[in-house]
């Protein structure tokens, strides 16, 4: 079986999202890419939360310190409405229209909304390659994703993060033929 779901894992801050952005910059310009990134937001050198940034430029808060929410991950209140109104539709559209689906990331915050796991599974089940990041965690859904026969996991380290983008581009070139 060809492993079409390429997921990066590694320690927080090691550069997983940077690797994905570099991969996207190396792909042919005509390629239709859909999906989202999760970006850390800092104010005065302190991390205050995380934003969802879609491939087409939409932004919304995913989680923020002091955000009132029934769902919390550490000191961050999770904005489940943004998962529903931004992530779910953008991944739905990517399944329909994109050549490559970006899911950055599959983690506890995003999984605060039950529909997130459903849409991610649909992405993984689709005929489209998925390029994403996945939390180092033993949450049941994350374990199920990692165990899929069509999923290849890349461990990002300080030592390999500069050479990994070209390796991943080579794998995607085969998948996107």
Protein backbone atom coordinates (compact mmCIF):
# COMPACT_ATOMS: atom_id res chain seq x y z
CA UNK A 1 0.00 0.00 0.00
CA UNK A 2 1.26 3.44 -0.88
CA UNK A 3 1.55 5.63 2.18
CA UNK A 4 -0.12 8.89 1.11
CA UNK A 5 -0.63 10.47 4.53
CA UNK A 6 2.65 12.12 5.54
CA UNK A 7 2.64 13.25 9.16
CA UNK A 8 5.41 15.03 11.04
CA UNK A 9 5.90 14.59 14.74
CA UNK A 10 8.49 15.83 17.18
CA UNK A 11 9.06 17.94 20.23
CA UNK A 12 7.18 21.25 20.54
CA UNK A 13 9.09 24.05 18.82
CA UNK A 14 11.38 21.75 16.82
CA UNK A 15 10.15 23.17 13.49
CA UNK A 16 7.36 20.90 12.22
CA UNK A 17 5.27 23.75 10.78
CA UNK A 18 8.41 25.34 9.30
CA UNK A 19 9.17 22.05 7.52
CA UNK A 20 5.63 21.97 6.06
CA UNK A 21 5.85 25.60 4.90
CA UNK A 22 9.22 24.85 3.25
CA UNK A 23 7.74 21.76 1.53
CA UNK A 24 4.88 23.89 0.16
CA UNK A 25 7.36 26.49 -1.14
CA UNK A 26 9.21 23.75 -3.07
CA UNK A 27 6.10 22.29 -4.76
CA UNK A 28 5.05 23.23 -8.31
CA UNK A 29 3.10 26.50 -8.39
CA UNK A 30 0.04 25.06 -10.17
CA UNK A 31 -0.66 22.60 -7.36
CA UNK A 32 -3.92 23.25 -5.47
CA UNK A 33 -3.25 23.11 -1.74
CA UNK A 34 -5.98 23.39 0.90
CA UNK A 35 -6.03 23.18 4.66
CA UNK A 36 -4.67 25.02 7.69
CA UNK A 37 -1.74 25.72 9.99
CA UNK A 38 -1.72 26.28 13.75
CA UNK A 39 0.60 29.13 14.70
CA UNK A 40 1.87 30.20 18.09
CA UNK A 41 1.08 33.83 19.01
CA UNK A 42 3.50 35.71 21.25
CA UNK A 43 3.13 39.07 22.91
CA UNK A 44 6.13 40.59 24.66
CA UNK A 45 8.05 37.33 24.26
CA UNK A 46 5.36 35.30 26.02
CA UNK A 47 3.13 32.74 24.28
CA UNK A 48 -0.47 33.92 24.67
CA UNK A 49 -2.19 31.45 22.40
CA UNK A 50 -2.55 29.82 19.01
CA UNK A 51 -4.13 30.96 15.77
CA UNK A 52 -5.59 28.98 12.93
CA UNK A 53 -4.22 30.23 9.61
CA UNK A 54 -5.77 28.68 6.50
CA UNK A 55 -3.72 28.11 3.36
CA UNK A 56 -5.86 30.80 1.67
CA UNK A 57 -5.17 33.34 4.43
CA UNK A 58 -8.13 33.26 6.87
CA UNK A 59 -7.17 33.68 10.52
CA UNK A 60 -8.97 32.89 13.77
CA UNK A 61 -8.01 32.23 17.38
CA UNK A 62 -7.79 28.52 18.16
CA UNK A 63 -6.90 28.99 21.82
CA UNK A 64 -5.85 31.83 24.05
CA UNK A 65 -4.90 32.46 27.64
CA UNK A 66 -7.90 33.92 29.46
CA UNK A 67 -10.37 32.83 26.75
CA UNK A 68 -13.51 31.60 28.50
CA UNK A 69 -14.36 28.18 27.17
CA UNK A 70 -15.69 24.92 28.57
CA UNK A 71 -12.72 23.28 26.80
CA UNK A 72 -9.26 24.00 28.15
CA UNK A 73 -5.83 22.66 27.24
CA UNK A 74 -3.37 23.71 29.90
CA UNK A 75 -3.78 27.44 30.49
CA UNK A 76 -5.53 28.01 27.13
CA UNK A 77 -9.26 28.26 26.55
CA UNK A 78 -10.10 26.56 23.24
CA UNK A 79 -12.29 28.38 20.72
CA UNK A 80 -14.43 25.45 19.54
CA UNK A 81 -16.50 27.82 17.35
CA UNK A 82 -13.39 28.57 15.24
CA UNK A 83 -12.77 24.85 14.75
CA UNK A 84 -16.34 24.56 13.50
CA UNK A 85 -16.46 27.73 11.38
CA UNK A 86 -12.90 27.74 9.95
CA UNK A 87 -11.14 24.35 10.13
CA UNK A 88 -14.07 22.06 9.27
CA UNK A 89 -15.14 24.03 6.13
CA UNK A 90 -11.56 24.54 4.91
CA UNK A 91 -10.81 20.80 5.16
CA UNK A 92 -14.16 19.95 3.55
CA UNK A 93 -13.26 22.23 0.63
CA UNK A 94 -9.75 20.71 0.42
CA UNK A 95 -11.20 17.19 0.12
CA UNK A 96 -13.35 18.41 -2.77
CA UNK A 97 -10.95 20.73 -4.61
CA UNK A 98 -7.30 20.45 -3.53
CA UNK A 99 -4.51 18.24 -4.86
CA UNK A 100 -2.86 18.23 -1.42
CA UNK A 101 -4.47 18.63 2.03
CA UNK A 102 -2.53 20.33 4.86
CA UNK A 103 -3.54 19.48 8.46
CA UNK A 104 -1.26 21.29 10.92
CA UNK A 105 -1.98 19.94 13.45
CA UNK A 106 -3.74 16.87 14.80
CA UNK A 107 -3.56 17.51 18.54
CA UNK A 108 -5.49 17.82 21.78
CA UNK A 109 -6.64 21.44 21.17
CA UNK A 110 -8.11 20.72 17.74
CA UNK A 111 -9.60 17.46 19.00
CA UNK A 112 -11.59 19.48 21.60
CA UNK A 113 -14.30 19.59 18.91
CA UNK A 114 -15.64 16.11 18.05
CA UNK A 115 -16.18 17.06 14.39
CA UNK A 116 -12.43 17.66 14.02
CA UNK A 117 -11.60 13.94 14.31
CA UNK A 118 -14.36 13.14 11.80
CA UNK A 119 -13.10 15.61 9.16
CA UNK A 120 -9.46 14.57 9.66
CA UNK A 121 -10.44 10.92 9.18
CA UNK A 122 -12.27 11.89 5.96
CA UNK A 123 -9.10 13.65 4.76
CA UNK A 124 -7.00 10.57 5.53
CA UNK A 125 -9.55 8.32 3.80
CA UNK A 126 -9.75 10.53 0.69
CA UNK A 127 -7.72 9.84 -2.42
CA UNK A 128 -5.69 13.04 -1.79
CA UNK A 129 -2.30 13.07 -0.09
CA UNK A 130 -2.33 14.65 3.38
CA UNK A 131 0.67 16.54 4.73
CA UNK A 132 0.35 17.33 8.39
CA UNK A 133 1.68 17.33 11.91
CA UNK A 134 0.58 15.08 14.70
CA UNK A 135 1.09 15.51 18.42
CA UNK A 136 3.37 13.15 20.33
CA UNK A 137 0.59 11.84 22.50
CA UNK A 138 -1.23 8.63 23.27
CA UNK A 139 -4.74 10.01 22.79
CA UNK A 140 -6.84 7.22 21.25
CA UNK A 141 -7.60 9.12 18.02
CA UNK A 142 -3.93 10.06 17.52
CA UNK A 143 -2.92 6.41 18.07
CA UNK A 144 -5.51 5.30 15.46
CA UNK A 145 -4.16 7.81 12.92
CA UNK A 146 -0.54 6.75 13.50
CA UNK A 147 -1.50 3.07 13.14
CA UNK A 148 -3.03 3.51 9.66
CA UNK A 149 -1.26 1.46 6.99
CA UNK A 150 -1.39 4.43 4.58
CA UNK A 151 0.34 6.81 7.00
CA UNK A 152 4.05 7.58 7.10
CA UNK A 153 5.40 9.32 10.22
CA UNK A 154 8.46 11.57 10.02
CA UNK A 155 10.20 12.48 13.29
CA UNK A 156 11.44 16.08 13.04
CA UNK A 157 14.63 16.83 14.95
CA UNK A 158 17.07 19.75 15.01
CA UNK A 159 19.46 17.49 13.09
CA UNK A 160 17.11 16.59 10.20
CA UNK A 161 14.71 19.53 9.91
CA UNK A 162 16.76 21.23 7.16
CA UNK A 163 16.99 18.14 4.93
CA UNK A 164 13.48 16.78 5.61
CA UNK A 165 11.60 19.16 3.26
CA UNK A 166 13.37 17.84 0.17
CA UNK A 167 12.78 14.22 1.24
CA UNK A 168 9.07 14.95 1.70
CA UNK A 169 8.86 16.80 -1.63
CA UNK A 170 10.34 13.69 -3.33
CA UNK A 171 7.67 11.48 -1.73
CA UNK A 172 4.90 13.95 -2.70
CA UNK A 173 6.20 14.14 -6.29
CA UNK A 174 5.57 10.37 -6.56
CA UNK A 175 2.13 10.64 -4.94
CA UNK A 176 0.99 13.58 -7.08
CA UNK A 177 1.95 12.05 -10.44
